[in-house]
Amino acid sequence: MATANKKQIKPLVSILPLEPKDIERFWPLAEFMVSESLAFSGKYADSTWVMDELKKDTMQCWIMFGSDEFEENKVFGICVGRIGVMPNYNQYEIVICTGKRRELWEDNLIKSVTDFATSNKCKRLSIMARPGWEKVSKKWGWKKKHVQLEKWIYYEFLWRRKITSTSNTKFANIFC
């Protein structure tokens, strides 16, 4: 009986671009997703670094905020990007894009990011994303150009340093 009286919520998710002056105020809404994404991506930075870059306006953040059928006033996702200055043109690089219920916000996010990139004279959009984005991004005209392969070498470096630091080789001097 209680479910019969429950109000049906109409899904509506808005894309909210954050201005540098508003980052600290709204950062609690985005920080968890930024931290989670950075952890998944190999911890190349921490969320404090991203926040600092956003405040300096060297990166931009969009928050996907709204309601679905079940919950009102919820953060559904975040997107962080930056303008990459290339020798022949600028490109807009999406470095973090994560969230839930992507079908509620993906089209509006791509429009917002594209509009921002165009107004900042970027000629290309670029995203480093998980494989699932390849299929969905085709509807917006995106094409896979490269595959990112990675291998962690930090531990090999430490191992070599330990072995070579006991000997007087040029190799040890280079890496130590």
C-alpha atoms as a PDB file:
ATOM      1  CA  MET A   1       0.000   0.000   0.000  1.00  0.00           C
ATOM      2  CA  ALA A   2       2.854   2.391   0.774  1.00  0.00           C
ATOM      3  CA  THR A   3       4.254   2.033  -2.744  1.00  0.00           C
ATOM      4  CA  ALA A   4       0.909   2.960  -4.304  1.00  0.00           C
ATOM      5  CA  ASN A   5       1.053   6.396  -2.677  1.00  0.00           C
ATOM      6  CA  LYS A   6       4.687   6.986  -3.665  1.00  0.00           C
ATOM      7  CA  LYS A   7       5.132   9.959  -5.975  1.00  0.00           C
ATOM      8  CA  GLN A   8       6.449   9.117  -9.453  1.00  0.00           C
ATOM      9  CA  ILE A   9       9.492  11.244 -10.297  1.00  0.00           C
ATOM     10  CA  LYS A  10      10.113  12.344 -13.866  1.00  0.00           C
ATOM     11  CA  PRO A  11      13.747  11.708 -14.846  1.00  0.00           C
ATOM     12  CA  LEU A  12      15.608  14.917 -15.598  1.00  0.00           C
ATOM     13  CA  VAL A  13      19.379  15.321 -15.371  1.00  0.00           C
ATOM     14  CA  SER A  14      21.056  18.654 -16.074  1.00  0.00           C
ATOM     15  CA  ILE A  15      24.669  19.290 -17.012  1.00  0.00           C
ATOM     16  CA  LEU A  16      26.079  21.904 -14.635  1.00  0.00           C
ATOM     17  CA  PRO A  17      29.395  23.491 -15.663  1.00  0.00           C
ATOM     18  CA  LEU A  18      31.358  24.627 -12.634  1.00  0.00           C
ATOM     19  CA  GLU A  19      33.089  27.995 -12.739  1.00  0.00           C
ATOM     20  CA  PRO A  20      36.522  28.207 -11.078  1.00  0.00           C
ATOM     21  CA  LYS A  21      35.129  30.491  -8.366  1.00  0.00           C
ATOM     22  CA  ASP A  22      32.532  27.823  -7.451  1.00  0.00           C
ATOM     23  CA  ILE A  23      34.812  24.786  -7.288  1.00  0.00           C
ATOM     24  CA  GLU A  24      35.324  24.737  -3.513  1.00  0.00           C
ATOM     25  CA  ARG A  25      31.609  25.205  -2.895  1.00  0.00           C
ATOM     26  CA  PHE A  26      30.540  22.297  -5.139  1.00  0.00           C
ATOM     27  CA  TRP A  27      33.632  20.092  -4.832  1.00  0.00           C
ATOM     28  CA  PRO A  28      32.030  17.816  -2.207  1.00  0.00           C
ATOM     29  CA  LEU A  29      29.525  16.738  -4.888  1.00  0.00           C
ATOM     30  CA  ALA A  30      32.274  15.677  -7.307  1.00  0.00           C
ATOM     31  CA  GLU A  31      35.288  14.655  -5.232  1.00  0.00           C
ATOM     32  CA  PHE A  32      34.235  11.056  -4.562  1.00  0.00           C
ATOM     33  CA  MET A  33      33.729  10.297  -8.247  1.00  0.00           C
ATOM     34  CA  VAL A  34      36.962  12.077  -9.198  1.00  0.00           C
ATOM     35  CA  SER A  35      38.912  10.095  -6.572  1.00  0.00           C
ATOM     36  CA  GLU A  36      37.322   6.828  -7.663  1.00  0.00           C
ATOM     37  CA  SER A  37      38.122   7.513 -11.308  1.00  0.00           C
ATOM     38  CA  LEU A  38      41.723   8.444 -10.533  1.00  0.00           C
ATOM     39  CA  ALA A  39      42.170   5.240  -8.522  1.00  0.00           C
ATOM     40  CA  PHE A  40      40.853   3.210 -11.460  1.00  0.00           C
ATOM     41  CA  SER A  41      43.180   5.073 -13.848  1.00  0.00           C
ATOM     42  CA  GLY A  42      46.363   4.235 -11.983  1.00  0.00           C
ATOM     43  CA  LYS A  43      46.431   7.148  -9.527  1.00  0.00           C
ATOM     44  CA  TYR A  44      48.300   9.477 -11.895  1.00  0.00           C
ATOM     45  CA  ALA A  45      47.010  12.325  -9.698  1.00  0.00           C
ATOM     46  CA  ASP A  46      44.918  12.830  -6.603  1.00  0.00           C
ATOM     47  CA  SER A  47      41.659  14.717  -6.279  1.00  0.00           C
ATOM     48  CA  THR A  48      43.379  17.689  -4.626  1.00  0.00           C
ATOM     49  CA  TRP A  49      45.494  18.232  -7.751  1.00  0.00           C
ATOM     50  CA  VAL A  50      42.369  18.102  -9.941  1.00  0.00           C
ATOM     51  CA  MET A  51      40.608  20.592  -7.665  1.00  0.00           C
ATOM     52  CA  ASP A  52      43.592  22.957  -7.853  1.00  0.00           C
ATOM     53  CA  GLU A  53      43.637  22.737 -11.665  1.00  0.00           C
ATOM     54  CA  LEU A  54      39.895  23.448 -11.764  1.00  0.00           C
ATOM     55  CA  LYS A  55      40.343  26.510  -9.550  1.00  0.00           C
ATOM     56  CA  LYS A  56      43.117  27.750 -11.871  1.00  0.00           C
ATOM     57  CA  ASP A  57      40.795  27.174 -14.849  1.00  0.00           C
ATOM     58  CA  THR A  58      43.321  24.886 -16.546  1.00  0.00           C
ATOM     59  CA  MET A  59      40.704  22.133 -16.293  1.00  0.00           C
ATOM     60  CA  GLN A  60      36.914  22.264 -16.398  1.00  0.00           C
ATOM     61  CA  CYS A  61      34.285  20.230 -14.537  1.00  0.00           C
ATOM     62  CA  TRP A  62      30.693  19.375 -15.356  1.00  0.00           C
ATOM     63  CA  ILE A  63      28.389  17.756 -12.820  1.00  0.00           C
ATOM     64  CA  MET A  64      25.436  15.694 -14.008  1.00  0.00           C
ATOM     65  CA  PHE A  65      22.777  16.507 -11.437  1.00  0.00           C
ATOM     66  CA  GLY A  66      19.060  15.806 -11.263  1.00  0.00           C
ATOM     67  CA  SER A  67      16.492  13.094 -10.701  1.00  0.00           C
ATOM     68  CA  ASP A  68      15.618   9.677 -11.993  1.00  0.00           C
ATOM     69  CA  GLU A  69      12.453   7.662 -11.386  1.00  0.00           C
ATOM     70  CA  PHE A  70      13.561   6.800  -7.854  1.00  0.00           C
ATOM     71  CA  GLU A  71      15.554   9.649  -6.401  1.00  0.00           C
ATOM     72  CA  GLU A  72      15.499  13.441  -6.564  1.00  0.00           C
ATOM     73  CA  ASN A  73      18.482  15.807  -6.342  1.00  0.00           C
ATOM     74  CA  LYS A  74      21.276  13.375  -7.011  1.00  0.00           C
ATOM     75  CA  VAL A  75      24.701  13.566  -8.653  1.00  0.00           C
ATOM     76  CA  PHE A  76      24.666  11.095 -11.538  1.00  0.00           C
ATOM     77  CA  GLY A  77      28.144  11.762 -12.853  1.00  0.00           C
ATOM     78  CA  ILE A  78      31.066  14.101 -13.399  1.00  0.00           C
ATOM     79  CA  CYS A  79      33.212  15.033 -16.349  1.00  0.00           C
ATOM     80  CA  VAL A  80      36.606  16.735 -16.197  1.00  0.00           C
ATOM     81  CA  GLY A  81      38.487  17.989 -19.212  1.00  0.00           C
ATOM     82  CA  ARG A  82      41.099  20.424 -20.407  1.00  0.00           C
ATOM     83  CA  ILE A  83      42.153  22.278 -23.515  1.00  0.00           C
ATOM     84  CA  GLY A  84      45.179  20.579 -25.019  1.00  0.00           C
ATOM     85  CA  VAL A  85      47.391  23.022 -26.897  1.00  0.00           C
ATOM     86  CA  MET A  86      48.866  21.278 -29.923  1.00  0.00           C
ATOM     87  CA  PRO A  87      51.296  22.753 -32.482  1.00  0.00           C
ATOM     88  CA  ASN A  88      48.682  22.918 -35.268  1.00  0.00           C
ATOM     89  CA  TYR A  89      45.436  23.246 -33.318  1.00  0.00           C
ATOM     90  CA  ASN A  90      43.847  22.913 -29.894  1.00  0.00           C
ATOM     91  CA  GLN A  91      41.830  19.903 -28.845  1.00  0.00           C
ATOM     92  CA  TYR A  92      39.519  19.382 -25.912  1.00  0.00           C
ATOM     93  CA  GLU A  93      40.606  16.380 -23.851  1.00  0.00           C
ATOM     94  CA  ILE A  94      38.181  14.628 -21.545  1.00  0.00           C
ATOM     95  CA  VAL A  95      40.320  13.073 -18.831  1.00  0.00           C
ATOM     96  CA  ILE A  96      37.597  11.883 -16.443  1.00  0.00           C
ATOM     97  CA  CYS A  97      34.031  10.945 -17.251  1.00  0.00           C
ATOM     98  CA  THR A  98      32.184   8.671 -14.887  1.00  0.00           C
ATOM     99  CA  GLY A  99      28.780   8.160 -13.386  1.00  0.00           C
ATOM    100  CA  LYS A 100      25.573   6.168 -13.208  1.00  0.00           C
ATOM    101  CA  ARG A 101      22.531   6.035 -15.513  1.00  0.00           C
ATOM    102  CA  ARG A 102      24.534   7.388 -18.452  1.00  0.00           C
ATOM    103  CA  GLU A 103      21.489   7.227 -20.716  1.00  0.00           C
ATOM    104  CA  LEU A 104      19.969  10.132 -18.738  1.00  0.00           C
ATOM    105  CA  TRP A 105      22.854  12.547 -19.382  1.00  0.00           C
ATOM    106  CA  GLU A 106      25.230  11.370 -22.104  1.00  0.00           C
ATOM    107  CA  ASP A 107      23.702  13.299 -25.037  1.00  0.00           C
ATOM    108  CA  ASN A 108      23.466  16.563 -23.085  1.00  0.00           C
ATOM    109  CA  LEU A 109      27.007  16.183 -21.792  1.00  0.00           C
ATOM    110  CA  ILE A 110      28.440  15.693 -25.284  1.00  0.00           C
ATOM    111  CA  LYS A 111      26.549  18.781 -26.473  1.00  0.00           C
ATOM    112  CA  SER A 112      27.827  20.857 -23.517  1.00  0.00           C
ATOM    113  CA  VAL A 113      31.429  19.726 -23.976  1.00  0.00           C
ATOM    114  CA  THR A 114      31.279  20.238 -27.748  1.00  0.00           C
ATOM    115  CA  ASP A 115      29.836  23.735 -27.317  1.00  0.00           C
ATOM    116  CA  PHE A 116      32.563  24.608 -24.796  1.00  0.00           C
ATOM    117  CA  ALA A 117      35.312  23.241 -27.046  1.00  0.00           C
ATOM    118  CA  THR A 118      33.958  25.061 -30.092  1.00  0.00           C
ATOM    119  CA  SER A 119      33.704  28.378 -28.238  1.00  0.00           C
ATOM    120  CA  ASN A 120      37.346  27.917 -27.169  1.00  0.00           C
ATOM    121  CA  LYS A 121      38.494  27.309 -30.762  1.00  0.00           C
ATOM    122  CA  CYS A 122      39.255  23.608 -30.325  1.00  0.00           C
ATOM    123  CA  LYS A 123      39.237  21.645 -33.576  1.00  0.00           C
ATOM    124  CA  ARG A 124      38.981  18.192 -32.060  1.00  0.00           C
ATOM    125  CA  LEU A 125      37.589  16.327 -29.067  1.00  0.00           C
ATOM    126  CA  SER A 126      39.630  13.557 -27.496  1.00  0.00           C
ATOM    127  CA  ILE A 127      38.788  11.151 -24.710  1.00  0.00           C
ATOM    128  CA  MET A 128      40.790   8.443 -23.015  1.00  0.00           C
ATOM    129  CA  ALA A 129      38.048   6.126 -21.853  1.00  0.00           C
ATOM    130  CA  ARG A 130      37.235   2.586 -20.892  1.00  0.00           C
ATOM    131  CA  PRO A 131      36.322   0.237 -23.760  1.00  0.00           C
ATOM    132  CA  GLY A 132      32.568   0.575 -23.145  1.00  0.00           C
ATOM    133  CA  TRP A 133      32.640   4.175 -24.394  1.00  0.00           C
ATOM    134  CA  GLU A 134      33.775   3.066 -27.868  1.00  0.00           C
ATOM    135  CA  LYS A 135      30.421   1.571 -28.822  1.00  0.00           C
ATOM    136  CA  VAL A 136      28.209   4.335 -27.397  1.00  0.00           C
ATOM    137  CA  SER A 137      30.364   7.171 -28.767  1.00  0.00           C
ATOM    138  CA  LYS A 138      29.813   6.143 -32.396  1.00  0.00           C
ATOM    139  CA  LYS A 139      26.373   7.793 -32.344  1.00  0.00           C
ATOM    140  CA  TRP A 140      28.113  11.169 -31.870  1.00  0.00           C
ATOM    141  CA  GLY A 141      30.574  10.562 -34.698  1.00  0.00           C
ATOM    142  CA  TRP A 142      33.561   9.543 -32.579  1.00  0.00           C
ATOM    143  CA  LYS A 143      36.089   7.122 -34.076  1.00  0.00           C
ATOM    144  CA  LYS A 144      38.694   4.984 -32.383  1.00  0.00           C
ATOM    145  CA  LYS A 145      42.110   6.223 -33.490  1.00  0.00           C
ATOM    146  CA  HIS A 146      44.476   4.566 -31.024  1.00  0.00           C
ATOM    147  CA  VAL A 147      44.575   1.894 -28.377  1.00  0.00           C
ATOM    148  CA  GLN A 148      46.294   2.695 -25.115  1.00  0.00           C
ATOM    149  CA  LEU A 149      48.573  -0.043 -23.845  1.00  0.00           C
ATOM    150  CA  GLU A 150      50.249   0.314 -20.493  1.00  0.00           C
ATOM    151  CA  LYS A 151      52.863  -1.463 -18.444  1.00  0.00           C
ATOM    152  CA  TRP A 152      53.917  -0.384 -14.994  1.00  0.00           C
ATOM    153  CA  ILE A 153      57.708  -0.039 -14.855  1.00  0.00           C
ATOM    154  CA  TYR A 154      58.103   1.660 -11.498  1.00  0.00           C
ATOM    155  CA  TYR A 155      58.704  -1.633  -9.667  1.00  0.00           C
ATOM    156  CA  GLU A 156      61.213  -2.729 -12.306  1.00  0.00           C
ATOM    157  CA  PHE A 157      62.993   0.592 -11.741  1.00  0.00           C
ATOM    158  CA  LEU A 158      63.141  -0.027  -7.981  1.00  0.00           C
ATOM    159  CA  TRP A 159      64.368  -3.570  -8.514  1.00  0.00           C
ATOM    160  CA  ARG A 160      67.122  -2.410 -10.891  1.00  0.00           C
ATOM    161  CA  ARG A 161      68.065   0.372  -8.497  1.00  0.00           C
ATOM    162  CA  LYS A 162      68.464  -2.089  -5.626  1.00  0.00           C
ATOM    163  CA  ILE A 163      70.639  -4.432  -7.688  1.00  0.00           C
ATOM    164  CA  THR A 164      72.769  -1.759  -9.330  1.00  0.00           C
ATOM    165  CA  SER A 165      73.167   0.499  -6.307  1.00  0.00           C
ATOM    166  CA  THR A 166      75.593  -2.003  -4.789  1.00  0.00           C
ATOM    167  CA  SER A 167      77.901  -1.833  -7.811  1.00  0.00           C
ATOM    168  CA  ASN A 168      79.826   1.061  -9.347  1.00  0.00           C
ATOM    169  CA  THR A 169      78.319   1.001 -12.816  1.00  0.00           C
ATOM    170  CA  LYS A 170      77.240   3.856 -15.032  1.00  0.00           C
ATOM    171  CA  PHE A 171      73.807   2.250 -14.993  1.00  0.00           C
ATOM    172  CA  ALA A 172      73.541   2.773 -11.251  1.00  0.00           C
ATOM    173  CA  ASN A 173      74.476   6.436 -11.634  1.00  0.00           C
ATOM    174  CA  ILE A 174      71.776   6.985 -14.247  1.00  0.00           C
ATOM    175  CA  PHE A 175      68.947   5.400 -12.264  1.00  0.00           C
ATOM    176  CA  CYS A 176      69.877   6.247  -8.672  1.00  0.00           C
END
